[in-house]
Amino acid sequence: MLREVWIYDPERDRWRRGPTLPKPMELLGATATGPEIHSVWEHTYQVYDARSGRWRQGPSPKMPRHALSLLALGGRLYAVGGCVTPQLVDSQAVETRPL
């Protein structure tokens, strides 16, 4: 599992180290919206706020899974697909919550 975050700058074609995750994650889903980065893995939901430069714990996901996709759209966060744990079966579920 990793705690490192890397940020790509396409104008300079360079990577730089970002804010270290407070809890290690792997095969996570992540999305950016405004000044925030939302990341979800299994039972862990972490949100980085670029304004404060800090991570905070988000609400626990309703369905623990990894390798999911996250999408922020219309003021809502959507968690799509992935692999349900601990059964390790593919999920077709879509979970949504307000941002």
C-alpha atoms as a PDB file:
ATOM      1  CA  MET A   1       0.000   0.000   0.000  1.00  0.00           C
ATOM      2  CA  LEU A   2       1.129   3.531  -0.711  1.00  0.00           C
ATOM      3  CA  ARG A   3       0.901   6.923   0.951  1.00  0.00           C
ATOM      4  CA  GLU A   4       2.627   8.910  -1.811  1.00  0.00           C
ATOM      5  CA  VAL A   5       0.715  11.290  -4.065  1.00  0.00           C
ATOM      6  CA  TRP A   6       2.230  12.660  -7.279  1.00  0.00           C
ATOM      7  CA  ILE A   7       0.880  15.620  -9.261  1.00  0.00           C
ATOM      8  CA  TYR A   8       1.457  15.965 -13.000  1.00  0.00           C
ATOM      9  CA  ASP A   9       1.868  19.391 -14.614  1.00  0.00           C
ATOM     10  CA  PRO A  10       1.096  18.936 -18.350  1.00  0.00           C
ATOM     11  CA  GLU A  11       2.384  22.419 -19.269  1.00  0.00           C
ATOM     12  CA  ARG A  12       5.847  21.573 -17.933  1.00  0.00           C
ATOM     13  CA  ASP A  13       5.623  17.831 -18.549  1.00  0.00           C
ATOM     14  CA  ARG A  14       6.791  17.249 -14.978  1.00  0.00           C
ATOM     15  CA  TRP A  15       5.715  15.387 -11.878  1.00  0.00           C
ATOM     16  CA  ARG A  16       6.017  16.737  -8.335  1.00  0.00           C
ATOM     17  CA  ARG A  17       5.365  15.185  -4.965  1.00  0.00           C
ATOM     18  CA  GLY A  18       1.930  15.957  -3.563  1.00  0.00           C
ATOM     19  CA  PRO A  19       0.387  15.712  -0.100  1.00  0.00           C
ATOM     20  CA  THR A  20       1.104  12.378   1.623  1.00  0.00           C
ATOM     21  CA  LEU A  21      -2.010  10.294   2.352  1.00  0.00           C
ATOM     22  CA  PRO A  22      -2.664   9.996   6.103  1.00  0.00           C
ATOM     23  CA  LYS A  23      -3.734   6.356   5.641  1.00  0.00           C
ATOM     24  CA  PRO A  24      -2.099   4.068   3.079  1.00  0.00           C
ATOM     25  CA  MET A  25      -4.268   2.991   0.141  1.00  0.00           C
ATOM     26  CA  GLU A  26      -3.987   0.889  -3.033  1.00  0.00           C
ATOM     27  CA  LEU A  27      -6.224   0.287  -6.038  1.00  0.00           C
ATOM     28  CA  LEU A  28      -8.185   3.363  -4.998  1.00  0.00           C
ATOM     29  CA  GLY A  29     -10.640   5.496  -6.884  1.00  0.00           C
ATOM     30  CA  ALA A  30      -9.919   9.240  -6.966  1.00  0.00           C
ATOM     31  CA  THR A  31     -11.373  12.392  -8.464  1.00  0.00           C
ATOM     32  CA  ALA A  32     -10.731  16.122  -8.196  1.00  0.00           C
ATOM     33  CA  THR A  33     -13.415  18.755  -7.848  1.00  0.00           C
ATOM     34  CA  GLY A  34     -12.620  22.407  -7.243  1.00  0.00           C
ATOM     35  CA  PRO A  35      -9.890  22.583  -4.587  1.00  0.00           C
ATOM     36  CA  GLU A  36     -10.479  19.016  -3.327  1.00  0.00           C
ATOM     37  CA  ILE A  37      -9.195  15.541  -4.150  1.00  0.00           C
ATOM     38  CA  HIS A  38     -11.497  12.690  -3.059  1.00  0.00           C
ATOM     39  CA  SER A  39     -10.023   9.203  -2.678  1.00  0.00           C
ATOM     40  CA  VAL A  40     -11.839   5.982  -1.744  1.00  0.00           C
ATOM     41  CA  TRP A  41     -10.491   2.502  -1.029  1.00  0.00           C
ATOM     42  CA  GLU A  42     -12.306  -0.273   0.871  1.00  0.00           C
ATOM     43  CA  HIS A  43     -13.565   1.349   4.128  1.00  0.00           C
ATOM     44  CA  THR A  44     -11.437   4.492   3.737  1.00  0.00           C
ATOM     45  CA  TYR A  45     -12.591   7.823   2.291  1.00  0.00           C
ATOM     46  CA  GLN A  46     -10.052  10.663   2.446  1.00  0.00           C
ATOM     47  CA  VAL A  47     -10.444  14.213   1.130  1.00  0.00           C
ATOM     48  CA  TYR A  48      -7.569  16.603   0.472  1.00  0.00           C
ATOM     49  CA  ASP A  49      -8.403  20.315   0.674  1.00  0.00           C
ATOM     50  CA  ALA A  50      -5.859  22.383  -1.290  1.00  0.00           C
ATOM     51  CA  ARG A  51      -6.984  25.565   0.491  1.00  0.00           C
ATOM     52  CA  SER A  52      -5.941  24.277   3.918  1.00  0.00           C
ATOM     53  CA  GLY A  53      -3.262  21.867   2.660  1.00  0.00           C
ATOM     54  CA  ARG A  54      -4.754  19.121   4.836  1.00  0.00           C
ATOM     55  CA  TRP A  55      -6.470  15.756   4.509  1.00  0.00           C
ATOM     56  CA  ARG A  56      -9.692  14.960   6.359  1.00  0.00           C
ATOM     57  CA  GLN A  57     -11.640  11.753   6.799  1.00  0.00           C
ATOM     58  CA  GLY A  58     -14.798  11.522   4.708  1.00  0.00           C
ATOM     59  CA  PRO A  59     -17.828   9.378   5.532  1.00  0.00           C
ATOM     60  CA  SER A  60     -17.331   5.616   5.306  1.00  0.00           C
ATOM     61  CA  PRO A  61     -18.337   4.127   1.967  1.00  0.00           C
ATOM     62  CA  LYS A  62     -21.559   2.105   2.090  1.00  0.00           C
ATOM     63  CA  MET A  63     -19.959  -0.744   0.119  1.00  0.00           C
ATOM     64  CA  PRO A  64     -16.285  -1.545   0.777  1.00  0.00           C
ATOM     65  CA  ARG A  65     -14.490  -2.161  -2.530  1.00  0.00           C
ATOM     66  CA  HIS A  66     -11.273  -1.466  -4.364  1.00  0.00           C
ATOM     67  CA  ALA A  67     -10.343  -0.751  -7.988  1.00  0.00           C
ATOM     68  CA  LEU A  68     -13.431   1.462  -8.284  1.00  0.00           C
ATOM     69  CA  SER A  69     -13.938   4.623 -10.321  1.00  0.00           C
ATOM     70  CA  LEU A  70     -14.905   7.962  -8.763  1.00  0.00           C
ATOM     71  CA  LEU A  71     -16.624  10.827 -10.545  1.00  0.00           C
ATOM     72  CA  ALA A  72     -17.677  14.233  -9.236  1.00  0.00           C
ATOM     73  CA  LEU A  73     -20.657  15.595 -11.151  1.00  0.00           C
ATOM     74  CA  GLY A  74     -23.366  18.114 -10.301  1.00  0.00           C
ATOM     75  CA  GLY A  75     -22.380  18.440  -6.645  1.00  0.00           C
ATOM     76  CA  ARG A  76     -22.383  14.679  -6.092  1.00  0.00           C
ATOM     77  CA  LEU A  77     -19.706  12.014  -5.791  1.00  0.00           C
ATOM     78  CA  TYR A  78     -20.301   8.761  -7.677  1.00  0.00           C
ATOM     79  CA  ALA A  79     -18.452   5.531  -6.831  1.00  0.00           C
ATOM     80  CA  VAL A  80     -18.795   3.075  -9.705  1.00  0.00           C
ATOM     81  CA  GLY A  81     -17.912  -0.599 -10.090  1.00  0.00           C
ATOM     82  CA  GLY A  82     -14.778  -2.038  -8.580  1.00  0.00           C
ATOM     83  CA  CYS A  83     -14.285  -5.243  -6.647  1.00  0.00           C
ATOM     84  CA  VAL A  84     -16.301  -5.952  -3.481  1.00  0.00           C
ATOM     85  CA  THR A  85     -14.265  -7.057  -0.503  1.00  0.00           C
ATOM     86  CA  PRO A  86     -13.775  -9.465   1.146  1.00  0.00           C
ATOM     87  CA  GLN A  87     -15.641 -11.631  -1.426  1.00  0.00           C
ATOM     88  CA  LEU A  88     -13.458 -10.389  -4.312  1.00  0.00           C
ATOM     89  CA  VAL A  89     -16.298 -10.268  -6.822  1.00  0.00           C
ATOM     90  CA  ASP A  90     -16.837  -7.577  -9.450  1.00  0.00           C
ATOM     91  CA  SER A  91     -19.414  -4.953  -8.525  1.00  0.00           C
ATOM     92  CA  GLN A  92     -21.878  -3.236 -10.823  1.00  0.00           C
ATOM     93  CA  ALA A  93     -23.077  -0.966  -8.001  1.00  0.00           C
ATOM     94  CA  VAL A  94     -23.160   2.832  -8.202  1.00  0.00           C
ATOM     95  CA  GLU A  95     -23.042   4.634  -4.872  1.00  0.00           C
ATOM     96  CA  THR A  96     -23.697   8.364  -4.726  1.00  0.00           C
ATOM     97  CA  ARG A  97     -23.536  11.014  -2.021  1.00  0.00           C
ATOM     98  CA  PRO A  98     -23.429  14.815  -1.886  1.00  0.00           C
ATOM     99  CA  LEU A  99     -20.005  16.450  -1.982  1.00  0.00           C
END
